[in-house]
């Protein structure tokens, strides 16, 4: 039983990692789902999924912003070194 829970944790972490890089993809999948399938999911789970998507999208955007900031700072440093 412990192996199954480890697999589920691994799958959940993989999904969360994917959401960090492509949060808008999951939102498009949610919008394309049929309404009867959405209605079959309990409201508590829908809220949990929604908050998870929100948090993962924030984390994904923050990650992209830090990478872009580092690249921009490197360009500025390279430009200053070229001027000297």
PDB file of N, CA and C in Angstrom:
ATOM      1  N   UNK A   1       0.828  -1.206   0.000  1.00  0.00           N
ATOM      2  CA  UNK A   1       0.000   0.000   0.000  1.00  0.00           C
ATOM      3  C   UNK A   1       0.859   1.251   0.000  1.00  0.00           C
ATOM      4  N   UNK A   2       2.004   1.179   0.649  1.00  0.00           N
ATOM      5  CA  UNK A   2       2.894   2.342   0.712  1.00  0.00           C
ATOM      6  C   UNK A   2       3.403   2.710  -0.684  1.00  0.00           C
ATOM      7  N   UNK A   3       3.661   1.698  -1.523  1.00  0.00           N
ATOM      8  CA  UNK A   3       4.146   1.974  -2.877  1.00  0.00           C
ATOM      9  C   UNK A   3       3.097   2.718  -3.706  1.00  0.00           C
ATOM     10  N   UNK A   4       1.839   2.369  -3.505  1.00  0.00           N
ATOM     11  CA  UNK A   4       0.773   3.042  -4.251  1.00  0.00           C
ATOM     12  C   UNK A   4       0.707   4.510  -3.860  1.00  0.00           C
ATOM     13  N   UNK A   5       0.795   4.798  -2.555  1.00  0.00           N
ATOM     14  CA  UNK A   5       0.728   6.198  -2.137  1.00  0.00           C
ATOM     15  C   UNK A   5       1.950   6.969  -2.636  1.00  0.00           C
ATOM     16  N   UNK A   6       3.107   6.321  -2.684  1.00  0.00           N
ATOM     17  CA  UNK A   6       4.290   6.976  -3.240  1.00  0.00           C
ATOM     18  C   UNK A   6       4.094   7.283  -4.722  1.00  0.00           C
ATOM     19  N   UNK A   7       3.477   6.355  -5.442  1.00  0.00           N
ATOM     20  CA  UNK A   7       3.203   6.595  -6.863  1.00  0.00           C
ATOM     21  C   UNK A   7       2.231   7.758  -7.034  1.00  0.00           C
ATOM     22  N   UNK A   8       1.201   7.791  -6.214  1.00  0.00           N
ATOM     23  CA  UNK A   8       0.221   8.878  -6.315  1.00  0.00           C
ATOM     24  C   UNK A   8       0.862  10.227  -5.983  1.00  0.00           C
ATOM     25  N   UNK A   9       1.719  10.251  -4.975  1.00  0.00           N
ATOM     26  CA  UNK A   9       2.421  11.493  -4.638  1.00  0.00           C
ATOM     27  C   UNK A   9       3.316  11.912  -5.801  1.00  0.00           C
ATOM     28  N   UNK A  10       3.989  10.959  -6.411  1.00  0.00           N
ATOM     29  CA  UNK A  10       4.842  11.262  -7.564  1.00  0.00           C
ATOM     30  C   UNK A  10       4.045  11.798  -8.740  1.00  0.00           C
ATOM     31  N   UNK A  11       2.897  11.195  -8.983  1.00  0.00           N
ATOM     32  CA  UNK A  11       2.037  11.673 -10.083  1.00  0.00           C
ATOM     33  C   UNK A  11       1.543  13.085  -9.786  1.00  0.00           C
ATOM     34  N   UNK A  12       1.115  13.333  -8.540  1.00  0.00           N
ATOM     35  CA  UNK A  12       0.627  14.663  -8.173  1.00  0.00           C
ATOM     36  C   UNK A  12       1.742  15.697  -8.308  1.00  0.00           C
ATOM     37  N   UNK A  13       2.947  15.366  -7.876  1.00  0.00           N
ATOM     38  CA  UNK A  13       4.064  16.307  -8.008  1.00  0.00           C
ATOM     39  C   UNK A  13       4.393  16.566  -9.470  1.00  0.00           C
ATOM     40  N   UNK A  14       4.267  15.559 -10.313  1.00  0.00           N
ATOM     41  CA  UNK A  14       4.501  15.755 -11.749  1.00  0.00           C
ATOM     42  C   UNK A  14       3.470  16.695 -12.349  1.00  0.00           C
ATOM     43  N   UNK A  15       2.224  16.525 -11.949  1.00  0.00           N
ATOM     44  CA  UNK A  15       1.167  17.417 -12.440  1.00  0.00           C
ATOM     45  C   UNK A  15       1.419  18.841 -11.972  1.00  0.00           C
ATOM     46  N   UNK A  16       1.791  18.993 -10.705  1.00  0.00           N
ATOM     47  CA  UNK A  16       2.063  20.333 -10.175  1.00  0.00           C
ATOM     48  C   UNK A  16       3.251  20.981 -10.887  1.00  0.00           C
ATOM     49  N   UNK A  17       4.275  20.193 -11.185  1.00  0.00           N
ATOM     50  CA  UNK A  17       5.427  20.731 -11.905  1.00  0.00           C
ATOM     51  C   UNK A  17       5.030  21.162 -13.309  1.00  0.00           C
ATOM     52  N   UNK A  18       4.187  20.378 -13.973  1.00  0.00           N
ATOM     53  CA  UNK A  18       3.728  20.758 -15.305  1.00  0.00           C
ATOM     54  C   UNK A  18       2.889  22.025 -15.247  1.00  0.00           C
ATOM     55  N   UNK A  19       2.088  22.171 -14.186  1.00  0.00           N
ATOM     56  CA  UNK A  19       1.269  23.370 -14.046  1.00  0.00           C
ATOM     57  C   UNK A  19       2.111  24.623 -13.857  1.00  0.00           C
ATOM     58  N   UNK A  20       3.282  24.473 -13.282  1.00  0.00           N
ATOM     59  CA  UNK A  20       4.140  25.642 -13.092  1.00  0.00           C
ATOM     60  C   UNK A  20       4.593  26.210 -14.424  1.00  0.00           C
ATOM     61  N   UNK A  21       4.758  25.357 -15.409  1.00  0.00           N
ATOM     62  CA  UNK A  21       5.251  25.823 -16.699  1.00  0.00           C
ATOM     63  C   UNK A  21       4.140  26.081 -17.710  1.00  0.00           C
ATOM     64  N   UNK A  22       3.005  25.369 -17.598  1.00  0.00           N
ATOM     65  CA  UNK A  22       1.897  25.559 -18.535  1.00  0.00           C
ATOM     66  C   UNK A  22       0.572  25.678 -17.807  1.00  0.00           C
ATOM     67  N   UNK A  23       0.388  26.733 -16.996  1.00  0.00           N
ATOM     68  CA  UNK A  23      -0.871  26.826 -16.235  1.00  0.00           C
ATOM     69  C   UNK A  23      -2.084  27.081 -17.116  1.00  0.00           C
ATOM     70  N   UNK A  24      -1.899  27.767 -18.223  1.00  0.00           N
ATOM     71  CA  UNK A  24      -3.064  28.072 -19.059  1.00  0.00           C
ATOM     72  C   UNK A  24      -3.553  26.843 -19.820  1.00  0.00           C
ATOM     73  N   UNK A  25      -2.707  25.830 -19.989  1.00  0.00           N
ATOM     74  CA  UNK A  25      -3.128  24.619 -20.685  1.00  0.00           C
ATOM     75  C   UNK A  25      -4.203  23.879 -19.895  1.00  0.00           C
ATOM     76  N   UNK A  26      -4.047  23.806 -18.589  1.00  0.00           N
ATOM     77  CA  UNK A  26      -5.041  23.109 -17.784  1.00  0.00           C
ATOM     78  C   UNK A  26      -6.360  23.871 -17.765  1.00  0.00           C
ATOM     79  N   UNK A  27      -6.296  25.181 -17.796  1.00  0.00           N
ATOM     80  CA  UNK A  27      -7.535  25.962 -17.829  1.00  0.00           C
ATOM     81  C   UNK A  27      -8.291  25.708 -19.135  1.00  0.00           C
ATOM     82  N   UNK A  28      -7.555  25.573 -20.231  1.00  0.00           N
ATOM     83  CA  UNK A  28      -8.208  25.276 -21.502  1.00  0.00           C
ATOM     84  C   UNK A  28      -8.834  23.882 -21.478  1.00  0.00           C
ATOM     85  N   UNK A  29      -8.144  22.931 -20.852  1.00  0.00           N
ATOM     86  CA  UNK A  29      -8.704  21.583 -20.731  1.00  0.00           C
ATOM     87  C   UNK A  29      -9.979  21.615 -19.898  1.00  0.00           C
ATOM     88  N   UNK A  30      -9.963  22.381 -18.804  1.00  0.00           N
ATOM     89  CA  UNK A  30     -11.157  22.497 -17.953  1.00  0.00           C
ATOM     90  C   UNK A  30     -12.321  23.091 -18.732  1.00  0.00           C
ATOM     91  N   UNK A  31     -12.055  24.086 -19.559  1.00  0.00           N
ATOM     92  CA  UNK A  31     -13.129  24.726 -20.328  1.00  0.00           C
ATOM     93  C   UNK A  31     -13.679  23.791 -21.402  1.00  0.00           C
ATOM     94  N   UNK A  32     -12.853  22.909 -21.919  1.00  0.00           N
ATOM     95  CA  UNK A  32     -13.293  21.995 -22.975  1.00  0.00           C
ATOM     96  C   UNK A  32     -14.015  20.766 -22.426  1.00  0.00           C
ATOM     97  N   UNK A  33     -13.925  20.541 -21.106  1.00  0.00           N
ATOM     98  CA  UNK A  33     -14.602  19.378 -20.515  1.00  0.00           C
ATOM     99  C   UNK A  33     -16.113  19.533 -20.622  1.00  0.00           C
ATOM    100  N   UNK A  34     -16.821  18.441 -20.865  1.00  0.00           N
ATOM    101  CA  UNK A  34     -18.291  18.512 -20.901  1.00  0.00           C
ATOM    102  C   UNK A  34     -18.847  18.902 -19.530  1.00  0.00           C
ATOM    103  N   UNK A  35     -19.966  19.596 -19.536  1.00  0.00           N
ATOM    104  CA  UNK A  35     -20.565  20.078 -18.296  1.00  0.00           C
ATOM    105  C   UNK A  35     -20.997  18.936 -17.379  1.00  0.00           C
ATOM    106  N   UNK A  36     -21.482  17.838 -17.946  1.00  0.00           N
ATOM    107  CA  UNK A  36     -21.912  16.733 -17.084  1.00  0.00           C
ATOM    108  C   UNK A  36     -20.727  16.104 -16.355  1.00  0.00           C
ATOM    109  N   UNK A  37     -19.563  16.107 -16.967  1.00  0.00           N
ATOM    110  CA  UNK A  37     -18.371  15.604 -16.295  1.00  0.00           C
ATOM    111  C   UNK A  37     -17.931  16.554 -15.185  1.00  0.00           C
ATOM    112  N   UNK A  38     -18.027  17.853 -15.451  1.00  0.00           N
ATOM    113  CA  UNK A  38     -17.709  18.838 -14.413  1.00  0.00           C
ATOM    114  C   UNK A  38     -18.673  18.711 -13.231  1.00  0.00           C
ATOM    115  N   UNK A  39     -19.945  18.455 -13.515  1.00  0.00           N
ATOM    116  CA  UNK A  39     -20.945  18.331 -12.456  1.00  0.00           C
ATOM    117  C   UNK A  39     -20.744  17.073 -11.612  1.00  0.00           C
ATOM    118  N   UNK A  40     -20.084  16.066 -12.168  1.00  0.00           N
ATOM    119  CA  UNK A  40     -19.859  14.818 -11.435  1.00  0.00           C
ATOM    120  C   UNK A  40     -18.784  14.973 -10.355  1.00  0.00           C
ATOM    121  N   UNK A  41     -17.948  16.007 -10.477  1.00  0.00           N
ATOM    122  CA  UNK A  41     -16.890  16.229  -9.493  1.00  0.00           C
ATOM    123  C   UNK A  41     -17.492  16.967  -8.294  1.00  0.00           C
ATOM    124  N   UNK A  42     -17.244  16.470  -7.075  1.00  0.00           N
ATOM    125  CA  UNK A  42     -17.796  17.149  -5.886  1.00  0.00           C
ATOM    126  C   UNK A  42     -17.284  18.593  -5.778  1.00  0.00           C
ATOM    127  N   UNK A  43     -18.129  19.501  -5.267  1.00  0.00           N
ATOM    128  CA  UNK A  43     -17.754  20.920  -5.190  1.00  0.00           C
ATOM    129  C   UNK A  43     -16.475  21.178  -4.384  1.00  0.00           C
ATOM    130  N   UNK A  44     -16.247  20.389  -3.350  1.00  0.00           N
ATOM    131  CA  UNK A  44     -15.040  20.569  -2.547  1.00  0.00           C
ATOM    132  C   UNK A  44     -13.789  20.302  -3.386  1.00  0.00           C
ATOM    133  N   UNK A  45     -13.847  19.270  -4.215  1.00  0.00           N
ATOM    134  CA  UNK A  45     -12.707  18.949  -5.074  1.00  0.00           C
ATOM    135  C   UNK A  45     -12.502  20.018  -6.149  1.00  0.00           C
ATOM    136  N   UNK A  46     -13.605  20.553  -6.657  1.00  0.00           N
ATOM    137  CA  UNK A  46     -13.492  21.611  -7.657  1.00  0.00           C
ATOM    138  C   UNK A  46     -12.786  22.830  -7.067  1.00  0.00           C
ATOM    139  N   UNK A  47     -13.152  23.183  -5.826  1.00  0.00           N
ATOM    140  CA  UNK A  47     -12.486  24.309  -5.163  1.00  0.00           C
ATOM    141  C   UNK A  47     -11.010  24.016  -4.947  1.00  0.00           C
ATOM    142  N   UNK A  48     -10.697  22.803  -4.513  1.00  0.00           N
ATOM    143  CA  UNK A  48      -9.302  22.435  -4.279  1.00  0.00           C
ATOM    144  C   UNK A  48      -8.504  22.476  -5.580  1.00  0.00           C
ATOM    145  N   UNK A  49      -9.095  21.982  -6.642  1.00  0.00           N
ATOM    146  CA  UNK A  49      -8.414  22.016  -7.948  1.00  0.00           C
ATOM    147  C   UNK A  49      -8.219  23.454  -8.404  1.00  0.00           C
ATOM    148  N   UNK A  50      -9.246  24.273  -8.224  1.00  0.00           N
ATOM    149  CA  UNK A  50      -9.152  25.677  -8.641  1.00  0.00           C
ATOM    150  C   UNK A  50      -8.055  26.413  -7.884  1.00  0.00           C
ATOM    151  N   UNK A  51      -8.004  26.215  -6.572  1.00  0.00           N
ATOM    152  CA  UNK A  51      -6.958  26.875  -5.794  1.00  0.00           C
ATOM    153  C   UNK A  51      -5.578  26.344  -6.143  1.00  0.00           C
ATOM    154  N   UNK A  52      -5.490  25.056  -6.422  1.00  0.00           N
ATOM    155  CA  UNK A  52      -4.206  24.477  -6.830  1.00  0.00           C
ATOM    156  C   UNK A  52      -3.734  25.084  -8.154  1.00  0.00           C
ATOM    157  N   UNK A  53      -4.658  25.232  -9.089  1.00  0.00           N
ATOM    158  CA  UNK A  53      -4.306  25.841 -10.371  1.00  0.00           C
ATOM    159  C   UNK A  53      -3.862  27.286 -10.168  1.00  0.00           C
ATOM    160  N   UNK A  54      -4.570  28.005  -9.313  1.00  0.00           N
ATOM    161  CA  UNK A  54      -4.219  29.395  -9.048  1.00  0.00           C
ATOM    162  C   UNK A  54      -2.816  29.503  -8.448  1.00  0.00           C
ATOM    163  N   UNK A  55      -2.545  28.694  -7.448  1.00  0.00           N
ATOM    164  CA  UNK A  55      -1.230  28.739  -6.802  1.00  0.00           C
ATOM    165  C   UNK A  55      -0.134  28.324  -7.778  1.00  0.00           C
ATOM    166  N   UNK A  56      -0.373  27.270  -8.537  1.00  0.00           N
ATOM    167  CA  UNK A  56       0.637  26.809  -9.490  1.00  0.00           C
ATOM    168  C   UNK A  56       0.877  27.838 -10.593  1.00  0.00           C
ATOM    169  N   UNK A  57      -0.174  28.540 -11.010  1.00  0.00           N
ATOM    170  CA  UNK A  57       0.023  29.562 -12.038  1.00  0.00           C
ATOM    171  C   UNK A  57       0.843  30.722 -11.488  1.00  0.00           C
ATOM    172  N   UNK A  58       0.609  31.093 -10.212  1.00  0.00           N
ATOM    173  CA  UNK A  58       1.430  32.131  -9.588  1.00  0.00           C
ATOM    174  C   UNK A  58       2.888  31.699  -9.515  1.00  0.00           C
ATOM    175  N   UNK A  59       3.116  30.466  -9.077  1.00  0.00           N
ATOM    176  CA  UNK A  59       4.481  29.970  -8.975  1.00  0.00           C
ATOM    177  C   UNK A  59       5.149  29.893 -10.346  1.00  0.00           C
ATOM    178  N   UNK A  60       4.388  29.481 -11.352  1.00  0.00           N
ATOM    179  CA  UNK A  60       4.935  29.420 -12.698  1.00  0.00           C
ATOM    180  C   UNK A  60       5.311  30.794 -13.231  1.00  0.00           C
ATOM    181  N   UNK A  61       4.446  31.767 -12.998  1.00  0.00           N
ATOM    182  CA  UNK A  61       4.735  33.129 -13.449  1.00  0.00           C
ATOM    183  C   UNK A  61       5.938  33.711 -12.710  1.00  0.00           C
ATOM    184  N   UNK A  62       6.027  33.425 -11.394  1.00  0.00           N
ATOM    185  CA  UNK A  62       7.176  33.924 -10.632  1.00  0.00           C
ATOM    186  C   UNK A  62       8.467  33.289 -11.129  1.00  0.00           C
ATOM    187  N   UNK A  63       8.422  32.016 -11.478  1.00  0.00           N
ATOM    188  CA  UNK A  63       9.612  31.335 -11.993  1.00  0.00           C
ATOM    189  C   UNK A  63      10.056  31.953 -13.316  1.00  0.00           C
ATOM    190  N   UNK A  64       9.106  32.189 -14.194  1.00  0.00           N
ATOM    191  CA  UNK A  64       9.428  32.787 -15.496  1.00  0.00           C
ATOM    192  C   UNK A  64       9.991  34.188 -15.298  1.00  0.00           C
ATOM    193  N   UNK A  65       9.413  34.938 -14.356  1.00  0.00           N
ATOM    194  CA  UNK A  65       9.895  36.300 -14.114  1.00  0.00           C
ATOM    195  C   UNK A  65      11.324  36.299 -13.582  1.00  0.00           C
ATOM    196  N   UNK A  66      11.676  35.351 -12.709  1.00  0.00           N
ATOM    197  CA  UNK A  66      13.044  35.317 -12.176  1.00  0.00           C
ATOM    198  C   UNK A  66      14.035  34.933 -13.260  1.00  0.00           C
ATOM    199  N   UNK A  67      13.645  34.032 -14.152  1.00  0.00           N
ATOM    200  CA  UNK A  67      14.535  33.649 -15.254  1.00  0.00           C
ATOM    201  C   UNK A  67      14.732  34.833 -16.198  1.00  0.00           C
ATOM    202  N   UNK A  68      13.654  35.525 -16.534  1.00  0.00           N
ATOM    203  CA  UNK A  68      13.762  36.682 -17.417  1.00  0.00           C
ATOM    204  C   UNK A  68      14.570  37.794 -16.764  1.00  0.00           C
ATOM    205  N   UNK A  69      14.408  37.993 -15.469  1.00  0.00           N
ATOM    206  CA  UNK A  69      15.165  39.027 -14.760  1.00  0.00           C
ATOM    207  C   UNK A  69      16.655  38.704 -14.793  1.00  0.00           C
ATOM    208  N   UNK A  70      17.003  37.443 -14.575  1.00  0.00           N
ATOM    209  CA  UNK A  70      18.410  37.048 -14.605  1.00  0.00           C
ATOM    210  C   UNK A  70      19.013  37.267 -15.993  1.00  0.00           C
ATOM    211  N   UNK A  71      18.266  36.940 -17.034  1.00  0.00           N
ATOM    212  CA  UNK A  71      18.753  37.160 -18.402  1.00  0.00           C
ATOM    213  C   UNK A  71      18.932  38.653 -18.676  1.00  0.00           C
ATOM    214  N   UNK A  72      17.994  39.472 -18.223  1.00  0.00           N
ATOM    215  CA  UNK A  72      18.083  40.910 -18.429  1.00  0.00           C
ATOM    216  C   UNK A  72      19.277  41.491 -17.682  1.00  0.00           C
ATOM    217  N   UNK A  73      19.489  41.057 -16.445  1.00  0.00           N
ATOM    218  CA  UNK A  73      20.639  41.540 -15.681  1.00  0.00           C
ATOM    219  C   UNK A  73      21.949  41.142 -16.354  1.00  0.00           C
ATOM    220  N   UNK A  74      21.980  39.944 -16.923  1.00  0.00           N
ATOM    221  CA  UNK A  74      23.189  39.499 -17.628  1.00  0.00           C
ATOM    222  C   UNK A  74      23.438  40.356 -18.863  1.00  0.00           C
ATOM    223  N   UNK A  75      22.385  40.696 -19.587  1.00  0.00           N
ATOM    224  CA  UNK A  75      22.541  41.556 -20.763  1.00  0.00           C
ATOM    225  C   UNK A  75      23.058  42.931 -20.366  1.00  0.00           C
ATOM    226  N   UNK A  76      22.533  43.470 -19.278  1.00  0.00           N
ATOM    227  CA  UNK A  76      22.972  44.790 -18.805  1.00  0.00           C
ATOM    228  C   UNK A  76      24.440  44.731 -18.401  1.00  0.00           C
ATOM    229  N   UNK A  77      24.835  43.678 -17.706  1.00  0.00           N
ATOM    230  CA  UNK A  77      26.246  43.544 -17.317  1.00  0.00           C
ATOM    231  C   UNK A  77      27.154  43.416 -18.533  1.00  0.00           C
ATOM    232  N   UNK A  78      26.718  42.642 -19.516  1.00  0.00           N
ATOM    233  CA  UNK A  78      27.506  42.492 -20.740  1.00  0.00           C
ATOM    234  C   UNK A  78      27.649  43.812 -21.478  1.00  0.00           C
ATOM    235  N   UNK A  79      26.583  44.588 -21.483  1.00  0.00           N
ATOM    236  CA  UNK A  79      26.612  45.874 -22.175  1.00  0.00           C
ATOM    237  C   UNK A  79      27.566  46.834 -21.447  1.00  0.00           C
ATOM    238  N   UNK A  80      27.523  46.845 -20.134  1.00  0.00           N
ATOM    239  CA  UNK A  80      28.421  47.727 -19.361  1.00  0.00           C
ATOM    240  C   UNK A  80      29.876  47.301 -19.536  1.00  0.00           C
ATOM    241  N   UNK A  81      30.144  46.014 -19.617  1.00  0.00           N
ATOM    242  CA  UNK A  81      31.505  45.547 -19.830  1.00  0.00           C
ATOM    243  C   UNK A  81      31.993  45.944 -21.218  1.00  0.00           C
ATOM    244  N   UNK A  82      31.117  45.954 -22.172  1.00  0.00           N
ATOM    245  CA  UNK A  82      31.497  46.349 -23.531  1.00  0.00           C
ATOM    246  C   UNK A  82      31.766  47.836 -23.647  1.00  0.00           C
ATOM    247  N   UNK A  83      31.112  48.641 -22.811  1.00  0.00           N
ATOM    248  CA  UNK A  83      31.298  50.091 -22.846  1.00  0.00           C
ATOM    249  C   UNK A  83      32.610  50.511 -22.203  1.00  0.00           C
ATOM    250  N   UNK A  84      33.110  49.712 -21.264  1.00  0.00           N
ATOM    251  CA  UNK A  84      34.319  50.096 -20.523  1.00  0.00           C
ATOM    252  C   UNK A  84      35.553  49.811 -21.288  1.00  0.00           C
TER     253      UNK A  84
END
